Amino acid sequence: MLLISVAIAIAYDSFFREKSQLINTNQVIQTDLSKYAEFSVKLSNEMPFLYGAFAIITAISLGILAAYLRKILSDLRKKKPKEEVKFPVK
């Protein structure tokens, strides 16, 4: 339900809402962004499909990397020798 409501809100904002009041006519001439930030802003404005594809691929790659690191840590934890608890025999 939450996903559907967010999708509807984004669709309304993207396609139906009047945007004439939201546009800022002043342009920034000098930016103090890094080269990577300037590249990503330029890519998102000029090629939004490619930017979206890179964003999805990056998110999936980071998820795979996190799962792989979790697996390595889990395996290391299992290999650690455990101390045996010896109970007195009656």
Protein backbone atom coordinates (compact mmCIF):
# COMPACT_ATOMS: atom_id res chain seq x y z
CA MET A 1 0.00 0.00 0.00
CA LEU A 2 2.81 2.37 0.89
CA LEU A 3 4.61 1.67 -2.37
CA ILE A 4 1.46 2.35 -4.38
CA SER A 5 0.78 5.63 -2.58
CA VAL A 6 4.37 6.80 -3.11
CA ALA A 7 4.15 5.87 -6.82
CA ILE A 8 0.92 7.84 -7.19
CA ALA A 9 2.44 10.85 -5.42
CA ILE A 10 5.52 10.78 -7.65
CA ALA A 11 3.40 10.39 -10.80
CA TYR A 12 1.21 13.33 -9.78
CA ASP A 13 4.24 15.47 -9.03
CA SER A 14 5.94 14.52 -12.29
CA PHE A 15 3.07 14.79 -14.76
CA PHE A 16 0.08 16.74 -13.46
CA ARG A 17 1.21 19.41 -11.00
CA GLU A 18 1.74 22.93 -12.33
CA LYS A 19 5.47 23.53 -12.46
CA SER A 20 5.63 27.17 -13.51
CA GLN A 21 5.89 28.31 -9.90
CA LEU A 22 8.62 25.80 -9.08
CA ILE A 23 11.11 26.77 -11.77
CA ASN A 24 13.94 28.98 -10.60
CA THR A 25 15.06 31.31 -13.38
CA ASN A 26 18.40 32.12 -11.76
CA GLN A 27 21.17 29.87 -12.98
CA VAL A 28 24.27 29.05 -11.00
CA ILE A 29 27.36 29.87 -13.01
CA GLN A 30 30.15 28.85 -10.67
CA THR A 31 29.78 25.59 -8.78
CA ASP A 32 31.98 24.15 -6.12
CA LEU A 33 31.07 20.54 -6.84
CA SER A 34 33.61 17.81 -7.30
CA LYS A 35 34.26 16.38 -10.74
CA TYR A 36 32.20 13.28 -9.92
CA ALA A 37 29.25 15.38 -8.71
CA GLU A 38 29.37 17.57 -11.81
CA PHE A 39 29.49 14.45 -13.98
CA SER A 40 26.49 12.90 -12.24
CA VAL A 41 24.44 16.12 -12.47
CA LYS A 42 25.29 16.48 -16.17
CA LEU A 43 24.48 12.82 -16.80
CA SER A 44 21.14 13.05 -14.98
CA ASN A 45 20.13 16.12 -16.99
CA GLU A 46 21.33 15.00 -20.42
CA MET A 47 20.74 11.22 -20.29
CA PRO A 48 18.22 10.37 -17.54
CA PHE A 49 17.66 6.79 -18.76
CA LEU A 50 21.37 5.99 -18.59
CA TYR A 51 21.62 7.72 -15.20
CA GLY A 52 18.74 5.61 -13.88
CA ALA A 53 20.29 2.43 -15.23
CA PHE A 54 23.62 3.26 -13.54
CA ALA A 55 21.79 4.00 -10.28
CA ILE A 56 20.00 0.64 -10.36
CA ILE A 57 23.16 -1.26 -11.25
CA THR A 58 25.07 0.53 -8.47
CA ALA A 59 22.36 -0.30 -5.91
CA ILE A 60 22.30 -3.97 -6.91
CA SER A 61 26.12 -4.15 -6.86
CA LEU A 62 26.29 -2.63 -3.38
CA GLY A 63 23.67 -5.12 -2.18
CA ILE A 64 25.66 -8.03 -3.58
CA LEU A 65 28.84 -6.68 -2.00
CA ALA A 66 27.14 -6.34 1.40
CA ALA A 67 25.80 -9.91 1.19
CA TYR A 68 29.23 -11.24 0.24
CA LEU A 69 30.92 -9.41 3.13
CA ARG A 70 28.26 -10.72 5.53
CA LYS A 71 28.91 -14.26 4.29
CA ILE A 72 32.67 -13.87 4.81
CA LEU A 73 32.17 -12.55 8.35
CA SER A 74 29.74 -15.35 9.13
CA ASP A 75 32.20 -17.98 7.88
CA LEU A 76 35.00 -16.47 9.95
CA ARG A 77 32.83 -16.52 13.03
CA LYS A 78 31.95 -20.19 12.50
CA LYS A 79 35.60 -21.18 12.13
CA LYS A 80 36.54 -19.72 15.51
CA PRO A 81 37.14 -22.58 17.95
CA LYS A 82 34.63 -22.69 20.74
CA GLU A 83 35.56 -23.51 24.28
CA GLU A 84 33.89 -26.59 25.54
CA VAL A 85 32.07 -26.38 28.81
CA LYS A 86 32.79 -29.42 30.94
CA PHE A 87 30.35 -30.29 33.63
CA PRO A 88 31.46 -32.21 36.69
CA VAL A 89 30.67 -35.92 36.56
CA LYS A 90 28.82 -37.37 39.52
